[in-house]
Amino acid sequence: MATTDHNAAVRIAVLQMTSGIDPAANAATMAEALSRAAGEGAAMLFTPEMAGLLDRDRARGRAHILPEAQSPALATLRDAAARAGIWLHIGSLPVQAEHDGDGRFANRAFVIDPSGAIAARYDKIHMFDVDLATGESWRESAAYRPGDQVVTVDCPVGRLGLAICYDVRFPALFEELGRRGCDVITIPAAFTVPTGRAHWHLMQRARAVEASAFVVSPAQSGHHADGRDTYGHSLVIDPWGDVLLDMGEGAGLGFATLDLARLGDVRRQLPSLANRRDIPRSGA
């Protein structure tokens, strides 16, 4: 288990991607970013949701979705993390679920340690089932089953809480991550353009403030091979809600420094986690 110096400053890398329908190419992009991140002194690299495969054609994509033990992309990235000698957060990969009696997959995040071992897994809890005014319609639950576990892991940035994309709209998850003492929460995403323009920055900053934690949100960006467009604007936000990094549009690698002493400063000024009370429920 990693120990955290809350007076330390930790350099992290954030990869903004335009993932396509070729898992090998996507994995190679992440592996190259790991090498660059290590060379720039980052302790950890964060990548977006569906970093290994972004394909709305489910019949085509199904051929590439395997159990995690058989995933070439995951194996490539575990090896790359070991060669780079730094931590890796894979925002998510689609994998065959262990208990997939209904044939649905898992949208699963991984935290990989510098030896290449899997330190944590998180299956996205909230499924993106929406009909937007633009005409976009999404039914994530048709192909993916929701997870049911809140996950944290200790790593160089402190206690890291895991979430994915649409989870950001459900404050109860972040209340629980706050209760568990998370120093950093990561929210990898493949946000649509209309919802991104309306709500992305607003909600990311709100989650940082209410949890008194850093938020790291690596995102997909641009026009993808499967025809979709994503919003971009990967963010790093401090516990006061200040934006430390906004990567705008387009693929690329960004860096930010998390001053962990800032956590104590904010929590002393606004001890909302300590002051929180359970809200009484109305009678049945």
C-alpha atoms as a PDB file:
ATOM      1  CA  MET A   1       0.000   0.000   0.000  1.00  0.00           C
ATOM      2  CA  ALA A   2       1.326   3.434  -0.954  1.00  0.00           C
ATOM      3  CA  THR A   3       1.873   5.986   1.803  1.00  0.00           C
ATOM      4  CA  THR A   4       1.121   9.617   1.089  1.00  0.00           C
ATOM      5  CA  ASP A   5       3.039  12.711   2.130  1.00  0.00           C
ATOM      6  CA  HIS A   6       0.318  15.337   2.272  1.00  0.00           C
ATOM      7  CA  ASN A   7       2.946  18.073   2.131  1.00  0.00           C
ATOM      8  CA  ALA A   8       4.283  16.766  -1.188  1.00  0.00           C
ATOM      9  CA  ALA A   9       3.717  17.961  -4.738  1.00  0.00           C
ATOM     10  CA  VAL A  10       3.028  15.210  -7.270  1.00  0.00           C
ATOM     11  CA  ARG A  11       3.421  15.655 -11.025  1.00  0.00           C
ATOM     12  CA  ILE A  12       0.828  13.817 -13.119  1.00  0.00           C
ATOM     13  CA  ALA A  13       0.218  13.373 -16.831  1.00  0.00           C
ATOM     14  CA  VAL A  14      -3.185  13.447 -18.558  1.00  0.00           C
ATOM     15  CA  LEU A  15      -3.736  11.892 -21.970  1.00  0.00           C
ATOM     16  CA  GLN A  16      -6.506  13.341 -24.139  1.00  0.00           C
ATOM     17  CA  MET A  17      -7.358  10.873 -26.909  1.00  0.00           C
ATOM     18  CA  THR A  18      -9.363  10.436 -30.076  1.00  0.00           C
ATOM     19  CA  SER A  19      -9.706   6.694 -29.621  1.00  0.00           C
ATOM     20  CA  GLY A  20     -10.781   4.644 -32.612  1.00  0.00           C
ATOM     21  CA  ILE A  21     -11.961   1.161 -33.510  1.00  0.00           C
ATOM     22  CA  ASP A  22      -8.495  -0.502 -33.483  1.00  0.00           C
ATOM     23  CA  PRO A  23      -7.559  -1.564 -29.931  1.00  0.00           C
ATOM     24  CA  ALA A  24      -3.924  -2.196 -30.857  1.00  0.00           C
ATOM     25  CA  ALA A  25      -3.508   1.353 -32.175  1.00  0.00           C
ATOM     26  CA  ASN A  26      -5.194   2.826 -29.109  1.00  0.00           C
ATOM     27  CA  ALA A  27      -2.978   0.765 -26.784  1.00  0.00           C
ATOM     28  CA  ALA A  28       0.122   1.881 -28.687  1.00  0.00           C
ATOM     29  CA  THR A  29      -0.915   5.517 -28.190  1.00  0.00           C
ATOM     30  CA  MET A  30      -1.216   4.985 -24.447  1.00  0.00           C
ATOM     31  CA  ALA A  31       2.046   3.047 -24.231  1.00  0.00           C
ATOM     32  CA  GLU A  32       3.896   5.860 -26.013  1.00  0.00           C
ATOM     33  CA  ALA A  33       2.301   8.391 -23.649  1.00  0.00           C
ATOM     34  CA  LEU A  34       3.475   6.346 -20.658  1.00  0.00           C
ATOM     35  CA  SER A  35       7.048   6.567 -21.885  1.00  0.00           C
ATOM     36  CA  ARG A  36       6.754  10.324 -22.465  1.00  0.00           C
ATOM     37  CA  ALA A  37       5.093  10.855 -19.087  1.00  0.00           C
ATOM     38  CA  ALA A  38       7.862   8.994 -17.282  1.00  0.00           C
ATOM     39  CA  GLY A  39      10.461  10.997 -19.180  1.00  0.00           C
ATOM     40  CA  GLU A  40       8.788  14.224 -18.020  1.00  0.00           C
ATOM     41  CA  GLY A  41       8.875  13.145 -14.387  1.00  0.00           C
ATOM     42  CA  ALA A  42       5.214  12.218 -13.929  1.00  0.00           C
ATOM     43  CA  ALA A  43       4.378   9.744 -11.179  1.00  0.00           C
ATOM     44  CA  MET A  44       1.131   8.662 -12.852  1.00  0.00           C
ATOM     45  CA  LEU A  45      -0.643   8.834 -16.228  1.00  0.00           C
ATOM     46  CA  PHE A  46      -4.433   9.197 -16.510  1.00  0.00           C
ATOM     47  CA  THR A  47      -6.329   8.175 -19.674  1.00  0.00           C
ATOM     48  CA  PRO A  48      -9.982   8.588 -20.807  1.00  0.00           C
ATOM     49  CA  GLU A  49     -13.054   6.400 -20.748  1.00  0.00           C
ATOM     50  CA  MET A  50     -13.071   3.700 -23.455  1.00  0.00           C
ATOM     51  CA  ALA A  51      -9.426   4.464 -24.136  1.00  0.00           C
ATOM     52  CA  GLY A  52      -8.866   1.030 -25.650  1.00  0.00           C
ATOM     53  CA  LEU A  53     -11.881   0.898 -27.970  1.00  0.00           C
ATOM     54  CA  LEU A  54     -14.504   3.473 -28.930  1.00  0.00           C
ATOM     55  CA  ASP A  55     -16.961   1.893 -31.368  1.00  0.00           C
ATOM     56  CA  ARG A  56     -20.699   2.517 -31.440  1.00  0.00           C
ATOM     57  CA  ASP A  57     -21.082  -0.350 -33.950  1.00  0.00           C
ATOM     58  CA  ARG A  58     -21.593  -3.023 -31.327  1.00  0.00           C
ATOM     59  CA  ALA A  59     -21.548  -5.918 -33.766  1.00  0.00           C
ATOM     60  CA  ARG A  60     -18.126  -4.830 -35.058  1.00  0.00           C
ATOM     61  CA  GLY A  61     -16.760  -3.946 -31.636  1.00  0.00           C
ATOM     62  CA  ARG A  62     -17.869  -7.198 -30.035  1.00  0.00           C
ATOM     63  CA  ALA A  63     -15.038  -9.110 -31.727  1.00  0.00           C
ATOM     64  CA  HIS A  64     -12.502  -7.054 -29.752  1.00  0.00           C
ATOM     65  CA  ILE A  65     -14.186  -7.325 -26.330  1.00  0.00           C
ATOM     66  CA  LEU A  66     -12.620 -10.171 -24.353  1.00  0.00           C
ATOM     67  CA  PRO A  67     -12.307 -11.208 -20.708  1.00  0.00           C
ATOM     68  CA  GLU A  68      -9.687  -9.015 -19.047  1.00  0.00           C
ATOM     69  CA  ALA A  69      -7.276 -11.968 -18.707  1.00  0.00           C
ATOM     70  CA  GLN A  70      -7.309 -12.307 -22.502  1.00  0.00           C
ATOM     71  CA  SER A  71      -7.240  -8.594 -23.412  1.00  0.00           C
ATOM     72  CA  PRO A  72      -4.217  -7.767 -25.603  1.00  0.00           C
ATOM     73  CA  ALA A  73      -4.661  -4.050 -24.868  1.00  0.00           C
ATOM     74  CA  LEU A  74      -4.583  -4.591 -21.115  1.00  0.00           C
ATOM     75  CA  ALA A  75      -1.528  -6.855 -21.414  1.00  0.00           C
ATOM     76  CA  THR A  76       0.259  -4.252 -23.555  1.00  0.00           C
ATOM     77  CA  LEU A  77      -0.464  -1.501 -21.048  1.00  0.00           C
ATOM     78  CA  ARG A  78       0.571  -3.523 -18.017  1.00  0.00           C
ATOM     79  CA  ASP A  79       3.888  -4.221 -19.725  1.00  0.00           C
ATOM     80  CA  ALA A  80       4.276  -0.574 -20.751  1.00  0.00           C
ATOM     81  CA  ALA A  81       3.628   0.630 -17.188  1.00  0.00           C
ATOM     82  CA  ALA A  82       6.288  -1.762 -15.897  1.00  0.00           C
ATOM     83  CA  ARG A  83       8.792  -0.566 -18.504  1.00  0.00           C
ATOM     84  CA  ALA A  84       8.040   3.081 -17.747  1.00  0.00           C
ATOM     85  CA  GLY A  85       8.120   2.465 -13.996  1.00  0.00           C
ATOM     86  CA  ILE A  86       5.125   4.689 -13.216  1.00  0.00           C
ATOM     87  CA  TRP A  87       1.485   4.251 -12.244  1.00  0.00           C
ATOM     88  CA  LEU A  88      -1.243   4.131 -14.896  1.00  0.00           C
ATOM     89  CA  HIS A  89      -4.946   4.814 -14.663  1.00  0.00           C
ATOM     90  CA  ILE A  90      -6.781   3.329 -17.663  1.00  0.00           C
ATOM     91  CA  GLY A  91      -9.994   5.350 -17.780  1.00  0.00           C
ATOM     92  CA  SER A  92     -11.807   2.271 -19.016  1.00  0.00           C
ATOM     93  CA  LEU A  93     -11.704  -0.699 -21.337  1.00  0.00           C
ATOM     94  CA  PRO A  94     -14.704  -2.752 -22.474  1.00  0.00           C
ATOM     95  CA  VAL A  95     -14.335  -6.296 -21.171  1.00  0.00           C
ATOM     96  CA  GLN A  96     -16.477  -9.391 -20.971  1.00  0.00           C
ATOM     97  CA  ALA A  97     -18.068  -9.495 -17.547  1.00  0.00           C
ATOM     98  CA  GLU A  98     -17.265 -12.392 -15.267  1.00  0.00           C
ATOM     99  CA  HIS A  99     -20.963 -13.057 -14.646  1.00  0.00           C
ATOM    100  CA  ASP A 100     -22.434 -12.146 -18.006  1.00  0.00           C
ATOM    101  CA  GLY A 101     -25.506 -14.341 -18.093  1.00  0.00           C
ATOM    102  CA  ASP A 102     -27.335 -11.661 -20.088  1.00  0.00           C
ATOM    103  CA  GLY A 103     -24.442 -11.180 -22.538  1.00  0.00           C
ATOM    104  CA  ARG A 104     -23.609  -7.635 -21.477  1.00  0.00           C
ATOM    105  CA  PHE A 105     -20.067  -6.318 -20.986  1.00  0.00           C
ATOM    106  CA  ALA A 106     -18.395  -4.231 -18.262  1.00  0.00           C
ATOM    107  CA  ASN A 107     -17.105  -0.687 -18.767  1.00  0.00           C
ATOM    108  CA  ARG A 108     -14.082  -1.159 -16.494  1.00  0.00           C
ATOM    109  CA  ALA A 109     -11.372   1.175 -15.218  1.00  0.00           C
ATOM    110  CA  PHE A 110      -7.989  -0.166 -14.120  1.00  0.00           C
ATOM    111  CA  VAL A 111      -5.232   1.220 -11.922  1.00  0.00           C
ATOM    112  CA  ILE A 112      -1.862  -0.360 -12.766  1.00  0.00           C
ATOM    113  CA  ASP A 113       1.151  -0.070 -10.462  1.00  0.00           C
ATOM    114  CA  PRO A 114       4.784   0.367 -11.611  1.00  0.00           C
ATOM    115  CA  SER A 115       5.353  -3.389 -11.587  1.00  0.00           C
ATOM    116  CA  GLY A 116       2.496  -3.866 -14.058  1.00  0.00           C
ATOM    117  CA  ALA A 117       0.164  -5.394 -11.473  1.00  0.00           C
ATOM    118  CA  ILE A 118      -3.516  -4.447 -11.327  1.00  0.00           C
ATOM    119  CA  ALA A 119      -3.995  -2.440  -8.126  1.00  0.00           C
ATOM    120  CA  ALA A 120      -7.704  -1.686  -8.565  1.00  0.00           C
ATOM    121  CA  ARG A 121     -10.680  -2.208 -10.876  1.00  0.00           C
ATOM    122  CA  TYR A 122     -13.897  -0.200 -11.093  1.00  0.00           C
ATOM    123  CA  ASP A 123     -16.976  -0.985 -13.185  1.00  0.00           C
ATOM    124  CA  LYS A 124     -18.996   2.086 -14.197  1.00  0.00           C
ATOM    125  CA  ILE A 125     -22.110   2.263 -12.039  1.00  0.00           C
ATOM    126  CA  HIS A 126     -24.388   4.660 -13.948  1.00  0.00           C
ATOM    127  CA  MET A 127     -25.323   3.791 -17.524  1.00  0.00           C
ATOM    128  CA  PHE A 128     -25.711   6.559 -20.128  1.00  0.00           C
ATOM    129  CA  ASP A 129     -29.292   6.003 -21.353  1.00  0.00           C
ATOM    130  CA  VAL A 130     -30.424   9.333 -22.829  1.00  0.00           C
ATOM    131  CA  ASP A 131     -32.220  10.999 -25.731  1.00  0.00           C
ATOM    132  CA  LEU A 132     -30.734  14.438 -26.403  1.00  0.00           C
ATOM    133  CA  ALA A 133     -32.509  17.338 -28.070  1.00  0.00           C
ATOM    134  CA  THR A 134     -29.890  17.182 -30.845  1.00  0.00           C
ATOM    135  CA  GLY A 135     -31.253  13.791 -31.894  1.00  0.00           C
ATOM    136  CA  GLU A 136     -28.435  11.782 -30.320  1.00  0.00           C
ATOM    137  CA  SER A 137     -29.746   8.681 -28.566  1.00  0.00           C
ATOM    138  CA  TRP A 138     -27.612   6.407 -26.380  1.00  0.00           C
ATOM    139  CA  ARG A 139     -28.461   3.183 -24.565  1.00  0.00           C
ATOM    140  CA  GLU A 140     -25.306   2.109 -22.762  1.00  0.00           C
ATOM    141  CA  SER A 141     -27.265  -0.364 -20.656  1.00  0.00           C
ATOM    142  CA  ALA A 142     -28.139  -2.373 -23.766  1.00  0.00           C
ATOM    143  CA  ALA A 143     -24.514  -3.522 -24.025  1.00  0.00           C
ATOM    144  CA  TYR A 144     -23.022  -2.892 -20.562  1.00  0.00           C
ATOM    145  CA  ARG A 145     -24.140  -3.986 -17.134  1.00  0.00           C
ATOM    146  CA  PRO A 146     -23.708  -1.482 -14.294  1.00  0.00           C
ATOM    147  CA  GLY A 147     -21.202  -2.015 -11.539  1.00  0.00           C
ATOM    148  CA  ASP A 148     -22.217  -2.025  -7.892  1.00  0.00           C
ATOM    149  CA  GLN A 149     -19.018  -1.249  -5.972  1.00  0.00           C
ATOM    150  CA  VAL A 150     -17.462   2.058  -4.864  1.00  0.00           C
ATOM    151  CA  VAL A 151     -13.686   1.760  -5.326  1.00  0.00           C
ATOM    152  CA  THR A 152     -10.696   3.624  -3.908  1.00  0.00           C
ATOM    153  CA  VAL A 153      -6.988   2.824  -4.077  1.00  0.00           C
ATOM    154  CA  ASP A 154      -3.867   4.281  -2.453  1.00  0.00           C
ATOM    155  CA  CYS A 155      -1.233   5.437  -4.937  1.00  0.00           C
ATOM    156  CA  PRO A 156       1.271   8.325  -5.389  1.00  0.00           C
ATOM    157  CA  VAL A 157      -1.501  10.962  -5.508  1.00  0.00           C
ATOM    158  CA  GLY A 158      -2.904   9.737  -2.188  1.00  0.00           C
ATOM    159  CA  ARG A 159      -6.233   7.978  -1.892  1.00  0.00           C
ATOM    160  CA  LEU A 160      -7.715   7.871  -5.392  1.00  0.00           C
ATOM    161  CA  GLY A 161     -11.453   7.482  -5.934  1.00  0.00           C
ATOM    162  CA  LEU A 162     -12.684   6.007  -9.207  1.00  0.00           C
ATOM    163  CA  ALA A 163     -15.656   7.131 -11.301  1.00  0.00           C
ATOM    164  CA  ILE A 164     -16.454   7.134 -15.027  1.00  0.00           C
ATOM    165  CA  CYS A 165     -18.163   9.777 -17.187  1.00  0.00           C
ATOM    166  CA  TYR A 166     -21.942   9.728 -16.557  1.00  0.00           C
ATOM    167  CA  ASP A 167     -21.242   8.943 -12.884  1.00  0.00           C
ATOM    168  CA  VAL A 168     -20.439  12.656 -12.521  1.00  0.00           C
ATOM    169  CA  ARG A 169     -24.173  13.458 -12.492  1.00  0.00           C
ATOM    170  CA  PHE A 170     -24.865  11.413  -9.360  1.00  0.00           C
ATOM    171  CA  PRO A 171     -23.658  13.225  -6.227  1.00  0.00           C
ATOM    172  CA  ALA A 172     -24.256  10.285  -3.882  1.00  0.00           C
ATOM    173  CA  LEU A 173     -21.247   8.487  -5.358  1.00  0.00           C
ATOM    174  CA  PHE A 174     -19.008  11.470  -4.689  1.00  0.00           C
ATOM    175  CA  GLU A 175     -20.425  11.909  -1.197  1.00  0.00           C
ATOM    176  CA  GLU A 176     -19.320   8.348  -0.492  1.00  0.00           C
ATOM    177  CA  LEU A 177     -15.883   8.974  -2.015  1.00  0.00           C
ATOM    178  CA  GLY A 178     -15.606  12.025   0.236  1.00  0.00           C
ATOM    179  CA  ARG A 179     -16.557   9.926   3.260  1.00  0.00           C
ATOM    180  CA  ARG A 180     -13.765   7.529   2.335  1.00  0.00           C
ATOM    181  CA  GLY A 181     -11.207  10.317   2.504  1.00  0.00           C
ATOM    182  CA  CYS A 182     -10.249  10.560  -1.161  1.00  0.00           C
ATOM    183  CA  ASP A 183      -7.495  13.039  -1.956  1.00  0.00           C
ATOM    184  CA  VAL A 184      -8.078  12.767  -5.704  1.00  0.00           C
ATOM    185  CA  ILE A 185     -11.090  11.596  -7.715  1.00  0.00           C
ATOM    186  CA  THR A 186     -10.698  10.683 -11.365  1.00  0.00           C
ATOM    187  CA  ILE A 187     -13.620  10.988 -13.794  1.00  0.00           C
ATOM    188  CA  PRO A 188     -12.465   9.760 -17.230  1.00  0.00           C
ATOM    189  CA  ALA A 189     -15.016  10.513 -19.921  1.00  0.00           C
ATOM    190  CA  ALA A 190     -16.221  10.391 -23.497  1.00  0.00           C
ATOM    191  CA  PHE A 191     -18.651  13.307 -23.163  1.00  0.00           C
ATOM    192  CA  THR A 192     -20.926  14.307 -26.007  1.00  0.00           C
ATOM    193  CA  VAL A 193     -20.410  17.795 -27.407  1.00  0.00           C
ATOM    194  CA  PRO A 194     -23.820  19.275 -26.412  1.00  0.00           C
ATOM    195  CA  THR A 195     -23.698  17.974 -22.840  1.00  0.00           C
ATOM    196  CA  GLY A 196     -20.052  18.951 -22.570  1.00  0.00           C
ATOM    197  CA  ARG A 197     -20.710  22.535 -23.588  1.00  0.00           C
ATOM    198  CA  ALA A 198     -23.554  22.794 -21.101  1.00  0.00           C
ATOM    199  CA  HIS A 199     -22.323  20.916 -18.066  1.00  0.00           C
ATOM    200  CA  TRP A 200     -18.750  19.563 -18.211  1.00  0.00           C
ATOM    201  CA  HIS A 201     -16.829  22.307 -16.409  1.00  0.00           C
ATOM    202  CA  LEU A 202     -19.716  23.050 -14.034  1.00  0.00           C
ATOM    203  CA  MET A 203     -20.033  19.497 -12.753  1.00  0.00           C
ATOM    204  CA  GLN A 204     -16.331  18.717 -12.553  1.00  0.00           C
ATOM    205  CA  ARG A 205     -15.694  21.800 -10.436  1.00  0.00           C
ATOM    206  CA  ALA A 206     -18.703  21.016  -8.235  1.00  0.00           C
ATOM    207  CA  ARG A 207     -17.447  17.489  -7.565  1.00  0.00           C
ATOM    208  CA  ALA A 208     -14.032  18.834  -6.524  1.00  0.00           C
ATOM    209  CA  VAL A 209     -15.567  21.369  -4.151  1.00  0.00           C
ATOM    210  CA  GLU A 210     -18.073  19.038  -2.509  1.00  0.00           C
ATOM    211  CA  ALA A 211     -15.491  16.277  -1.960  1.00  0.00           C
ATOM    212  CA  SER A 212     -12.703  18.725  -0.955  1.00  0.00           C
ATOM    213  CA  ALA A 213     -10.493  16.783  -3.350  1.00  0.00           C
ATOM    214  CA  PHE A 214      -8.556  17.192  -6.568  1.00  0.00           C
ATOM    215  CA  VAL A 215     -10.456  16.021  -9.649  1.00  0.00           C
ATOM    216  CA  VAL A 216      -8.594  14.604 -12.659  1.00  0.00           C
ATOM    217  CA  SER A 217     -10.809  14.117 -15.710  1.00  0.00           C
ATOM    218  CA  PRO A 218      -9.079  12.803 -18.853  1.00  0.00           C
ATOM    219  CA  ALA A 219     -11.392  12.989 -21.858  1.00  0.00           C
ATOM    220  CA  GLN A 220     -11.958  11.826 -25.387  1.00  0.00           C
ATOM    221  CA  SER A 221     -11.877  14.637 -27.955  1.00  0.00           C
ATOM    222  CA  GLY A 222     -12.703  15.175 -31.605  1.00  0.00           C
ATOM    223  CA  HIS A 223     -14.256  13.172 -34.445  1.00  0.00           C
ATOM    224  CA  HIS A 224     -13.893   9.412 -34.023  1.00  0.00           C
ATOM    225  CA  ALA A 225     -13.688   6.561 -36.520  1.00  0.00           C
ATOM    226  CA  ASP A 226     -17.115   5.286 -35.418  1.00  0.00           C
ATOM    227  CA  GLY A 227     -18.716   8.620 -36.401  1.00  0.00           C
ATOM    228  CA  ARG A 228     -19.226  10.191 -32.990  1.00  0.00           C
ATOM    229  CA  ASP A 229     -17.839  13.512 -31.743  1.00  0.00           C
ATOM    230  CA  THR A 230     -16.605  14.077 -28.192  1.00  0.00           C
ATOM    231  CA  TYR A 231     -16.086  17.261 -26.226  1.00  0.00           C
ATOM    232  CA  GLY A 232     -12.504  17.087 -24.958  1.00  0.00           C
ATOM    233  CA  HIS A 233     -11.390  19.619 -22.334  1.00  0.00           C
ATOM    234  CA  SER A 234      -9.584  17.175 -20.050  1.00  0.00           C
ATOM    235  CA  LEU A 235      -9.406  18.893 -16.670  1.00  0.00           C
ATOM    236  CA  VAL A 236      -7.399  18.943 -13.476  1.00  0.00           C
ATOM    237  CA  ILE A 237      -9.168  20.859 -10.691  1.00  0.00           C
ATOM    238  CA  ASP A 238      -7.998  21.634  -7.181  1.00  0.00           C
ATOM    239  CA  PRO A 239     -10.116  21.210  -4.011  1.00  0.00           C
ATOM    240  CA  TRP A 240     -11.140  24.886  -4.072  1.00  0.00           C
ATOM    241  CA  GLY A 241     -12.568  24.452  -7.583  1.00  0.00           C
ATOM    242  CA  ASP A 242      -9.743  26.213  -9.414  1.00  0.00           C
ATOM    243  CA  VAL A 243      -8.891  24.778 -12.838  1.00  0.00           C
ATOM    244  CA  LEU A 244      -5.213  23.795 -12.970  1.00  0.00           C
ATOM    245  CA  LEU A 245      -5.332  22.288 -16.476  1.00  0.00           C
ATOM    246  CA  ASP A 246      -7.822  22.519 -19.356  1.00  0.00           C
ATOM    247  CA  MET A 247      -6.600  20.733 -22.480  1.00  0.00           C
ATOM    248  CA  GLY A 248      -9.186  22.214 -24.844  1.00  0.00           C
ATOM    249  CA  GLU A 249      -9.814  20.236 -28.030  1.00  0.00           C
ATOM    250  CA  GLY A 250      -7.690  17.662 -29.862  1.00  0.00           C
ATOM    251  CA  ALA A 251      -5.528  14.766 -28.753  1.00  0.00           C
ATOM    252  CA  GLY A 252      -2.421  15.393 -26.673  1.00  0.00           C
ATOM    253  CA  LEU A 253      -0.531  14.899 -23.442  1.00  0.00           C
ATOM    254  CA  GLY A 254      -0.801  17.438 -20.634  1.00  0.00           C
ATOM    255  CA  PHE A 255       0.844  17.809 -17.228  1.00  0.00           C
ATOM    256  CA  ALA A 256      -0.189  19.223 -13.872  1.00  0.00           C
ATOM    257  CA  THR A 257       1.249  19.328 -10.373  1.00  0.00           C
ATOM    258  CA  LEU A 258      -0.970  18.376  -7.449  1.00  0.00           C
ATOM    259  CA  ASP A 259       0.136  20.239  -4.323  1.00  0.00           C
ATOM    260  CA  LEU A 260      -1.249  17.853  -1.715  1.00  0.00           C
ATOM    261  CA  ALA A 261      -0.804  20.451   1.029  1.00  0.00           C
ATOM    262  CA  ARG A 262      -3.685  22.281  -0.642  1.00  0.00           C
ATOM    263  CA  LEU A 263      -6.017  19.556   0.636  1.00  0.00           C
ATOM    264  CA  GLY A 264      -5.343  20.483   4.253  1.00  0.00           C
ATOM    265  CA  ASP A 265      -5.624  24.203   3.534  1.00  0.00           C
ATOM    266  CA  VAL A 266      -9.058  23.845   1.947  1.00  0.00           C
ATOM    267  CA  ARG A 267     -10.377  21.350   4.491  1.00  0.00           C
ATOM    268  CA  ARG A 268      -9.378  23.640   7.375  1.00  0.00           C
ATOM    269  CA  GLN A 269     -11.089  26.655   5.792  1.00  0.00           C
ATOM    270  CA  LEU A 270     -14.244  24.799   4.749  1.00  0.00           C
ATOM    271  CA  PRO A 271     -14.597  21.596   6.776  1.00  0.00           C
ATOM    272  CA  SER A 272     -17.662  20.460   4.881  1.00  0.00           C
ATOM    273  CA  LEU A 273     -16.708  16.779   5.112  1.00  0.00           C
ATOM    274  CA  ALA A 274     -16.445  17.041   8.900  1.00  0.00           C
ATOM    275  CA  ASN A 275     -19.643  19.115   9.139  1.00  0.00           C
ATOM    276  CA  ARG A 276     -21.761  16.825   6.975  1.00  0.00           C
ATOM    277  CA  ARG A 277     -24.933  15.461   8.576  1.00  0.00           C
ATOM    278  CA  ASP A 278     -27.271  12.774   7.394  1.00  0.00           C
ATOM    279  CA  ILE A 279     -30.457  14.280   5.974  1.00  0.00           C
ATOM    280  CA  PRO A 280     -33.569  12.953   7.695  1.00  0.00           C
ATOM    281  CA  ARG A 281     -35.856  11.039   5.361  1.00  0.00           C
ATOM    282  CA  SER A 282     -39.572  11.774   5.289  1.00  0.00           C
ATOM    283  CA  GLY A 283     -41.800   9.187   6.892  1.00  0.00           C
ATOM    284  CA  ALA A 284     -43.295   6.435   4.795  1.00  0.00           C
END
